[in-house]
């Protein structure tokens, strides 16, 4: 009985420790100037994906991060879209359409890719520097009634 318990604990312990989280993107805040935030982003994709698809992952995650999170070290102390606004189904529809149509790219003012995609064990990654016009993004969200005007909540 003790041996069975020992093996059961050993299996549970080793299986719990062996799972690894596969990253989808990394976003690092660099600076802000005149309502434009400068970021360094690393996009991850499958080995089968083309380098262009991998490069598109980085700006998508940066815009998504700008909408639903905040950048540590920046003047943006709260996310553009709060939890209450995200849960609204009309807002969810607008955000889905924003990414599906590629309109998120209109808020990107500068975009530089560093080299080609680097192959890792199970995926590829590519690093980019980009700038997002937060002022224009906030104005678009206010126009679509996703967030209240003037940042009032």
N, C-alpha and C. Protein backbone atom coordinates (compact mmCIF):
# COMPACT_ATOMS: atom_id res chain seq x y z
N UNK A 1 0.82 -1.20 0.00
CA UNK A 1 0.00 0.00 0.00
C UNK A 1 0.86 1.26 0.00
N UNK A 2 1.93 1.22 0.80
CA UNK A 2 2.82 2.37 0.85
C UNK A 2 3.49 2.61 -0.50
N UNK A 3 3.84 1.52 -1.17
CA UNK A 3 4.48 1.67 -2.48
C UNK A 3 3.53 2.30 -3.49
N UNK A 4 2.27 1.87 -3.48
CA UNK A 4 1.29 2.45 -4.39
C UNK A 4 1.08 3.94 -4.12
N UNK A 5 1.04 4.31 -2.85
CA UNK A 5 0.88 5.71 -2.48
C UNK A 5 2.10 6.51 -2.91
N UNK A 6 3.29 5.92 -2.72
CA UNK A 6 4.52 6.57 -3.14
C UNK A 6 4.52 6.84 -4.65
N UNK A 7 4.17 5.84 -5.45
CA UNK A 7 4.13 6.00 -6.89
C UNK A 7 3.07 7.01 -7.33
N UNK A 8 1.93 6.98 -6.68
CA UNK A 8 0.87 7.93 -6.99
C UNK A 8 1.33 9.36 -6.73
N UNK A 9 1.96 9.59 -5.59
CA UNK A 9 2.48 10.93 -5.28
C UNK A 9 3.59 11.33 -6.25
N UNK A 10 4.43 10.39 -6.60
CA UNK A 10 5.51 10.68 -7.53
C UNK A 10 4.96 11.08 -8.90
N UNK A 11 3.96 10.37 -9.37
CA UNK A 11 3.34 10.69 -10.67
C UNK A 11 2.66 12.06 -10.62
N UNK A 12 1.92 12.31 -9.57
CA UNK A 12 1.24 13.61 -9.45
C UNK A 12 2.25 14.76 -9.38
N UNK A 13 3.32 14.57 -8.63
CA UNK A 13 4.32 15.62 -8.49
C UNK A 13 5.04 15.90 -9.80
N UNK A 14 5.47 14.85 -10.49
CA UNK A 14 6.23 15.04 -11.72
C UNK A 14 5.35 15.56 -12.86
N UNK A 15 4.10 15.13 -12.91
CA UNK A 15 3.24 15.63 -13.98
C UNK A 15 2.85 17.08 -13.74
N UNK A 16 2.73 17.50 -12.50
CA UNK A 16 2.39 18.88 -12.18
C UNK A 16 3.54 19.83 -12.46
N UNK A 17 4.75 19.37 -12.32
CA UNK A 17 5.92 20.23 -12.52
C UNK A 17 6.37 20.28 -13.97
N UNK A 18 5.96 19.33 -14.78
CA UNK A 18 6.50 19.25 -16.13
C UNK A 18 5.75 20.12 -17.14
N UNK A 19 4.58 20.63 -16.79
CA UNK A 19 3.85 21.42 -17.77
C UNK A 19 4.49 22.79 -17.93
N UNK A 20 4.66 23.19 -19.18
CA UNK A 20 5.27 24.48 -19.47
C UNK A 20 4.25 25.35 -20.20
N UNK A 21 4.28 26.62 -19.89
CA UNK A 21 3.39 27.57 -20.55
C UNK A 21 4.07 28.05 -21.82
N UNK A 22 3.40 27.95 -22.94
CA UNK A 22 3.93 28.42 -24.20
C UNK A 22 3.55 29.87 -24.39
N UNK A 23 4.53 30.77 -24.51
CA UNK A 23 4.20 32.19 -24.65
C UNK A 23 3.57 32.49 -26.01
N UNK A 24 2.70 33.48 -26.04
CA UNK A 24 2.11 33.93 -27.30
C UNK A 24 2.67 35.28 -27.71
N UNK A 25 3.10 36.09 -26.74
CA UNK A 25 3.72 37.38 -27.04
C UNK A 25 4.32 37.95 -25.78
N UNK A 26 5.28 38.84 -25.96
CA UNK A 26 5.86 39.59 -24.86
C UNK A 26 5.79 41.05 -25.26
N UNK A 27 5.42 41.91 -24.31
CA UNK A 27 5.32 43.34 -24.58
C UNK A 27 6.12 44.07 -23.52
N UNK A 28 7.03 44.94 -23.95
CA UNK A 28 7.85 45.71 -23.03
C UNK A 28 7.69 47.19 -23.34
N UNK A 29 7.36 47.97 -22.32
CA UNK A 29 7.21 49.41 -22.45
C UNK A 29 8.58 50.06 -22.59
N UNK A 30 8.72 50.98 -23.56
CA UNK A 30 9.97 51.71 -23.74
C UNK A 30 9.82 53.18 -23.33
N UNK A 31 8.84 53.89 -23.91
CA UNK A 31 8.66 55.30 -23.59
C UNK A 31 7.31 55.79 -24.11
N UNK A 32 6.95 57.01 -23.68
CA UNK A 32 5.73 57.66 -24.17
C UNK A 32 6.08 59.10 -24.53
N UNK A 33 5.51 59.57 -25.64
CA UNK A 33 5.72 60.97 -26.03
C UNK A 33 4.52 61.43 -26.85
N UNK A 34 3.90 62.51 -26.43
CA UNK A 34 2.78 63.12 -27.14
C UNK A 34 1.65 62.13 -27.44
N UNK A 35 1.30 61.30 -26.49
CA UNK A 35 0.20 60.37 -26.66
C UNK A 35 0.54 59.13 -27.46
N UNK A 36 1.81 58.96 -27.80
CA UNK A 36 2.26 57.78 -28.55
C UNK A 36 3.16 56.96 -27.64
N UNK A 37 2.80 55.69 -27.47
CA UNK A 37 3.59 54.80 -26.62
C UNK A 37 4.49 53.95 -27.51
N UNK A 38 5.77 53.85 -27.12
CA UNK A 38 6.75 53.06 -27.86
C UNK A 38 6.99 51.75 -27.11
N UNK A 39 6.91 50.64 -27.84
CA UNK A 39 6.97 49.32 -27.24
C UNK A 39 7.93 48.42 -28.00
N UNK A 40 8.44 47.43 -27.30
CA UNK A 40 9.17 46.33 -27.94
C UNK A 40 8.33 45.08 -27.71
N UNK A 41 8.01 44.41 -28.78
CA UNK A 41 7.14 43.24 -28.68
C UNK A 41 7.76 42.06 -29.39
N UNK A 42 7.58 40.90 -28.79
CA UNK A 42 8.02 39.65 -29.40
C UNK A 42 6.78 38.82 -29.68
N UNK A 43 6.58 38.48 -30.92
CA UNK A 43 5.45 37.65 -31.32
C UNK A 43 5.90 36.22 -31.52
N UNK A 44 5.08 35.29 -31.09
CA UNK A 44 5.38 33.86 -31.21
C UNK A 44 4.35 33.22 -32.13
N UNK A 45 4.79 32.22 -32.90
CA UNK A 45 3.87 31.50 -33.77
C UNK A 45 4.40 30.08 -33.96
N UNK A 46 3.60 29.25 -34.61
CA UNK A 46 4.00 27.87 -34.83
C UNK A 46 5.13 27.79 -35.85
N UNK A 47 5.81 26.70 -35.86
CA UNK A 47 6.90 26.52 -36.82
C UNK A 47 6.40 26.51 -38.26
N UNK A 48 5.17 26.06 -38.46
CA UNK A 48 4.61 25.99 -39.81
C UNK A 48 4.19 27.36 -40.34
N UNK A 49 3.98 28.32 -39.47
CA UNK A 49 3.50 29.65 -39.90
C UNK A 49 4.60 30.41 -40.64
N UNK A 50 4.17 31.27 -41.54
CA UNK A 50 5.11 32.11 -42.27
C UNK A 50 5.62 33.21 -41.34
N UNK A 51 6.78 33.77 -41.68
CA UNK A 51 7.36 34.83 -40.86
C UNK A 51 6.44 36.04 -40.76
N UNK A 52 5.68 36.33 -41.84
CA UNK A 52 4.77 37.48 -41.83
C UNK A 52 3.66 37.29 -40.78
N UNK A 53 3.17 36.07 -40.65
CA UNK A 53 2.14 35.78 -39.65
C UNK A 53 2.69 35.96 -38.24
N UNK A 54 3.93 35.57 -38.07
CA UNK A 54 4.59 35.72 -36.78
C UNK A 54 4.80 37.21 -36.47
N UNK A 55 5.17 37.97 -37.48
CA UNK A 55 5.37 39.42 -37.30
C UNK A 55 4.05 40.13 -37.02
N UNK A 56 2.94 39.64 -37.55
CA UNK A 56 1.63 40.24 -37.28
C UNK A 56 1.16 39.97 -35.86
N UNK A 57 1.64 38.92 -35.26
CA UNK A 57 1.22 38.57 -33.89
C UNK A 57 1.68 39.62 -32.88
N UNK A 58 2.86 40.20 -33.09
CA UNK A 58 3.40 41.17 -32.13
C UNK A 58 2.54 42.43 -32.03
N UNK A 59 2.20 43.12 -33.12
CA UNK A 59 1.37 44.32 -32.97
C UNK A 59 -0.04 44.03 -32.48
N UNK A 60 -0.60 42.89 -32.86
CA UNK A 60 -1.93 42.53 -32.36
C UNK A 60 -1.92 42.43 -30.84
N UNK A 61 -0.92 41.77 -30.30
CA UNK A 61 -0.84 41.61 -28.86
C UNK A 61 -0.57 42.95 -28.17
N UNK A 62 0.19 43.83 -28.81
CA UNK A 62 0.45 45.15 -28.23
C UNK A 62 -0.84 45.97 -28.13
N UNK A 63 -1.64 45.97 -29.19
CA UNK A 63 -2.91 46.71 -29.17
C UNK A 63 -3.84 46.08 -28.14
N UNK A 64 -3.93 44.78 -28.12
CA UNK A 64 -4.77 44.08 -27.16
C UNK A 64 -4.33 44.41 -25.73
N UNK A 65 -3.03 44.44 -25.52
CA UNK A 65 -2.48 44.77 -24.20
C UNK A 65 -2.81 46.22 -23.84
N UNK A 66 -2.74 47.12 -24.80
CA UNK A 66 -3.07 48.53 -24.54
C UNK A 66 -4.53 48.68 -24.16
N UNK A 67 -5.39 47.89 -24.75
CA UNK A 67 -6.82 47.99 -24.47
C UNK A 67 -7.18 47.42 -23.10
N UNK A 68 -6.64 46.28 -22.75
CA UNK A 68 -7.12 45.56 -21.58
C UNK A 68 -6.14 45.48 -20.41
N UNK A 69 -5.00 46.12 -20.55
CA UNK A 69 -4.02 46.08 -19.47
C UNK A 69 -3.35 47.44 -19.39
N UNK A 70 -2.30 47.54 -18.64
CA UNK A 70 -1.55 48.79 -18.58
C UNK A 70 -0.08 48.45 -18.74
N UNK A 71 0.71 49.45 -19.10
CA UNK A 71 2.14 49.24 -19.29
C UNK A 71 2.87 49.66 -18.02
N UNK A 72 3.58 48.74 -17.42
CA UNK A 72 4.33 49.04 -16.21
C UNK A 72 5.39 50.09 -16.53
N UNK A 73 5.43 51.14 -15.73
CA UNK A 73 6.40 52.22 -15.92
C UNK A 73 5.88 53.35 -16.78
N UNK A 74 4.70 53.20 -17.36
CA UNK A 74 4.16 54.25 -18.22
C UNK A 74 3.21 55.16 -17.44
N UNK A 75 2.73 56.21 -18.12
CA UNK A 75 1.78 57.13 -17.51
C UNK A 75 0.36 56.57 -17.57
N UNK A 76 0.16 55.49 -18.29
CA UNK A 76 -1.15 54.86 -18.39
C UNK A 76 -1.36 54.00 -17.16
N UNK A 77 -2.06 54.55 -16.16
CA UNK A 77 -2.21 53.85 -14.89
C UNK A 77 -3.34 52.82 -14.90
N UNK A 78 -4.27 52.94 -15.85
CA UNK A 78 -5.38 51.98 -15.95
C UNK A 78 -5.52 51.54 -17.41
N UNK A 79 -6.12 50.39 -17.64
CA UNK A 79 -6.36 49.96 -19.02
C UNK A 79 -7.37 50.89 -19.70
N UNK A 80 -7.31 50.97 -21.02
CA UNK A 80 -8.28 51.79 -21.75
C UNK A 80 -9.69 51.24 -21.58
N UNK A 81 -9.82 49.93 -21.61
CA UNK A 81 -11.13 49.29 -21.45
C UNK A 81 -11.14 48.56 -20.12
N UNK A 82 -12.05 48.97 -19.25
CA UNK A 82 -12.18 48.31 -17.96
C UNK A 82 -12.93 47.00 -18.08
N UNK A 83 -13.01 46.29 -17.00
CA UNK A 83 -13.68 44.99 -16.99
C UNK A 83 -15.15 45.13 -17.38
N UNK A 84 -15.82 46.16 -16.86
CA UNK A 84 -17.24 46.35 -17.17
C UNK A 84 -17.47 46.58 -18.65
N UNK A 85 -16.61 47.39 -19.29
CA UNK A 85 -16.78 47.66 -20.72
C UNK A 85 -16.47 46.43 -21.56
N UNK A 86 -15.50 45.61 -21.15
CA UNK A 86 -15.14 44.42 -21.93
C UNK A 86 -16.28 43.42 -21.94
N UNK A 87 -16.99 43.31 -20.83
CA UNK A 87 -18.05 42.31 -20.74
C UNK A 87 -19.29 42.69 -21.54
N UNK A 88 -19.39 43.93 -21.97
CA UNK A 88 -20.53 44.36 -22.79
C UNK A 88 -20.42 43.68 -24.15
N UNK A 89 -21.48 43.02 -24.60
CA UNK A 89 -21.43 42.24 -25.85
C UNK A 89 -21.21 43.12 -27.08
N UNK A 90 -21.73 44.34 -27.08
CA UNK A 90 -21.49 45.23 -28.22
C UNK A 90 -20.02 45.59 -28.32
N UNK A 91 -19.38 45.79 -27.19
CA UNK A 91 -17.96 46.10 -27.19
C UNK A 91 -17.14 44.89 -27.64
N UNK A 92 -17.56 43.72 -27.22
CA UNK A 92 -16.87 42.50 -27.64
C UNK A 92 -16.92 42.35 -29.16
N UNK A 93 -18.07 42.68 -29.73
CA UNK A 93 -18.24 42.62 -31.19
C UNK A 93 -17.31 43.62 -31.88
N UNK A 94 -17.23 44.83 -31.34
CA UNK A 94 -16.36 45.85 -31.94
C UNK A 94 -14.89 45.41 -31.86
N UNK A 95 -14.48 44.89 -30.73
CA UNK A 95 -13.08 44.47 -30.57
C UNK A 95 -12.74 43.30 -31.49
N UNK A 96 -13.66 42.36 -31.63
CA UNK A 96 -13.44 41.23 -32.53
C UNK A 96 -13.28 41.73 -33.96
N UNK A 97 -14.14 42.66 -34.36
CA UNK A 97 -14.08 43.22 -35.70
C UNK A 97 -12.81 44.05 -35.91
N UNK A 98 -12.38 44.75 -34.87
CA UNK A 98 -11.16 45.57 -34.96
C UNK A 98 -9.96 44.71 -35.35
N UNK A 99 -9.84 43.54 -34.73
CA UNK A 99 -8.70 42.67 -35.03
C UNK A 99 -8.92 41.86 -36.31
N UNK A 100 -10.12 41.38 -36.54
CA UNK A 100 -10.39 40.56 -37.73
C UNK A 100 -10.22 41.35 -39.02
N UNK A 101 -10.62 42.62 -39.01
CA UNK A 101 -10.54 43.45 -40.21
C UNK A 101 -9.15 44.04 -40.42
N UNK A 102 -8.32 44.01 -39.40
CA UNK A 102 -6.99 44.60 -39.51
C UNK A 102 -6.98 46.09 -39.22
N UNK A 103 -8.10 46.65 -38.76
CA UNK A 103 -8.17 48.09 -38.47
C UNK A 103 -7.29 48.50 -37.30
N UNK A 104 -6.86 47.55 -36.50
CA UNK A 104 -5.96 47.87 -35.40
C UNK A 104 -4.66 48.49 -35.91
N UNK A 105 -4.30 48.19 -37.15
CA UNK A 105 -3.05 48.70 -37.73
C UNK A 105 -3.07 50.20 -37.94
N UNK A 106 -4.28 50.81 -37.98
CA UNK A 106 -4.35 52.26 -38.18
C UNK A 106 -3.82 53.03 -36.97
N UNK A 107 -3.72 52.39 -35.83
CA UNK A 107 -3.23 53.05 -34.62
C UNK A 107 -1.73 52.87 -34.42
N UNK A 108 -1.10 52.11 -35.30
CA UNK A 108 0.34 51.88 -35.22
C UNK A 108 1.03 52.92 -36.09
N UNK A 109 1.87 53.75 -35.46
CA UNK A 109 2.52 54.84 -36.19
C UNK A 109 3.92 54.49 -36.68
N UNK A 110 4.57 53.53 -36.05
CA UNK A 110 5.90 53.10 -36.50
C UNK A 110 6.04 51.61 -36.20
N UNK A 111 6.75 50.92 -37.09
CA UNK A 111 6.85 49.46 -36.96
C UNK A 111 8.16 49.01 -37.58
N UNK A 112 9.05 48.44 -36.75
CA UNK A 112 10.34 47.95 -37.23
C UNK A 112 10.53 46.51 -36.78
N UNK A 113 10.89 45.64 -37.71
CA UNK A 113 11.13 44.23 -37.42
C UNK A 113 12.64 44.03 -37.31
N UNK A 114 13.06 43.29 -36.27
CA UNK A 114 14.47 42.97 -36.09
C UNK A 114 14.78 41.61 -36.68
N UNK A 115 15.38 41.59 -37.84
CA UNK A 115 15.82 40.35 -38.46
C UNK A 115 14.68 39.44 -38.87
N UNK A 116 15.00 38.17 -38.98
CA UNK A 116 14.01 37.16 -39.36
C UNK A 116 13.56 36.40 -38.11
N UNK A 117 12.57 35.57 -38.28
CA UNK A 117 12.04 34.80 -37.16
C UNK A 117 13.08 33.80 -36.68
N UNK A 118 13.23 33.71 -35.37
CA UNK A 118 14.15 32.76 -34.76
C UNK A 118 13.39 31.48 -34.43
N UNK A 119 13.96 30.35 -34.81
CA UNK A 119 13.30 29.08 -34.52
C UNK A 119 13.68 28.60 -33.13
N UNK A 120 12.64 28.27 -32.37
CA UNK A 120 12.82 27.69 -31.04
C UNK A 120 12.44 26.21 -31.13
N UNK A 121 12.26 25.54 -30.02
CA UNK A 121 11.93 24.11 -30.05
C UNK A 121 10.60 23.83 -30.75
N UNK A 122 9.52 24.50 -30.30
CA UNK A 122 8.20 24.19 -30.83
C UNK A 122 7.55 25.37 -31.55
N UNK A 123 8.25 26.50 -31.64
CA UNK A 123 7.65 27.67 -32.27
C UNK A 123 8.73 28.61 -32.77
N UNK A 124 8.29 29.67 -33.43
CA UNK A 124 9.19 30.71 -33.90
C UNK A 124 8.85 32.01 -33.16
N UNK A 125 9.83 32.91 -33.10
CA UNK A 125 9.56 34.22 -32.51
C UNK A 125 10.24 35.30 -33.34
N UNK A 126 9.64 36.47 -33.30
CA UNK A 126 10.19 37.62 -34.00
C UNK A 126 9.99 38.85 -33.12
N UNK A 127 11.01 39.71 -33.05
CA UNK A 127 10.97 40.89 -32.20
C UNK A 127 10.78 42.13 -33.05
N UNK A 128 9.90 43.00 -32.57
CA UNK A 128 9.58 44.24 -33.28
C UNK A 128 9.56 45.40 -32.30
N UNK A 129 9.86 46.58 -32.81
CA UNK A 129 9.62 47.82 -32.08
C UNK A 129 8.46 48.50 -32.78
N UNK A 130 7.51 49.00 -32.01
CA UNK A 130 6.39 49.69 -32.62
C UNK A 130 5.89 50.79 -31.72
N UNK A 131 5.19 51.72 -32.32
CA UNK A 131 4.60 52.85 -31.62
C UNK A 131 3.10 52.82 -31.85
N UNK A 132 2.34 53.02 -30.77
CA UNK A 132 0.88 53.03 -30.83
C UNK A 132 0.38 54.41 -30.43
N UNK A 133 -0.46 54.99 -31.26
CA UNK A 133 -1.07 56.28 -30.96
C UNK A 133 -2.25 56.06 -30.02
N UNK A 134 -1.98 56.18 -28.71
CA UNK A 134 -3.03 55.94 -27.71
C UNK A 134 -4.12 57.00 -27.76
N UNK A 135 -3.76 58.23 -28.15
CA UNK A 135 -4.76 59.29 -28.25
C UNK A 135 -5.80 58.96 -29.31
N UNK A 136 -5.35 58.51 -30.48
CA UNK A 136 -6.27 58.13 -31.56
C UNK A 136 -7.06 56.88 -31.18
N UNK A 137 -6.41 55.94 -30.52
CA UNK A 137 -7.10 54.72 -30.09
C UNK A 137 -8.19 55.04 -29.08
N UNK A 138 -7.88 55.91 -28.13
CA UNK A 138 -8.89 56.31 -27.14
C UNK A 138 -10.06 57.04 -27.81
N UNK A 139 -9.75 57.92 -28.78
CA UNK A 139 -10.81 58.66 -29.50
C UNK A 139 -11.71 57.70 -30.27
N UNK A 140 -11.13 56.69 -30.90
CA UNK A 140 -11.92 55.71 -31.65
C UNK A 140 -12.82 54.91 -30.70
N UNK A 141 -12.31 54.55 -29.55
CA UNK A 141 -13.10 53.81 -28.58
C UNK A 141 -14.25 54.65 -28.03
N UNK A 142 -13.99 55.94 -27.83
CA UNK A 142 -15.05 56.84 -27.38
C UNK A 142 -16.11 57.02 -28.46
N UNK A 143 -15.67 57.14 -29.71
CA UNK A 143 -16.61 57.32 -30.83
C UNK A 143 -17.53 56.11 -30.98
N UNK A 144 -17.01 54.94 -30.74
CA UNK A 144 -17.80 53.70 -30.86
C UNK A 144 -18.55 53.37 -29.57
N UNK A 145 -18.49 54.27 -28.58
CA UNK A 145 -19.14 54.08 -27.27
C UNK A 145 -18.65 52.83 -26.54
N UNK A 146 -17.41 52.47 -26.76
CA UNK A 146 -16.82 51.36 -26.03
C UNK A 146 -16.40 51.83 -24.64
N UNK A 147 -15.87 53.05 -24.56
CA UNK A 147 -15.51 53.66 -23.29
C UNK A 147 -16.23 55.01 -23.20
N UNK A 148 -16.48 55.50 -22.00
CA UNK A 148 -17.12 56.81 -21.87
C UNK A 148 -16.15 57.92 -22.26
N UNK A 149 -16.68 59.05 -22.72
CA UNK A 149 -15.80 60.16 -23.12
C UNK A 149 -15.01 60.72 -21.94
N UNK A 150 -13.85 61.24 -22.24
CA UNK A 150 -12.95 61.88 -21.28
C UNK A 150 -12.46 60.93 -20.20
N UNK A 151 -12.56 59.64 -20.41
CA UNK A 151 -12.06 58.67 -19.46
C UNK A 151 -12.88 58.53 -18.20
N UNK A 152 -14.12 59.07 -18.21
CA UNK A 152 -14.98 58.96 -17.03
C UNK A 152 -15.50 57.55 -16.90
N UNK A 153 -15.48 57.03 -15.68
CA UNK A 153 -15.99 55.67 -15.44
C UNK A 153 -16.95 55.68 -14.31
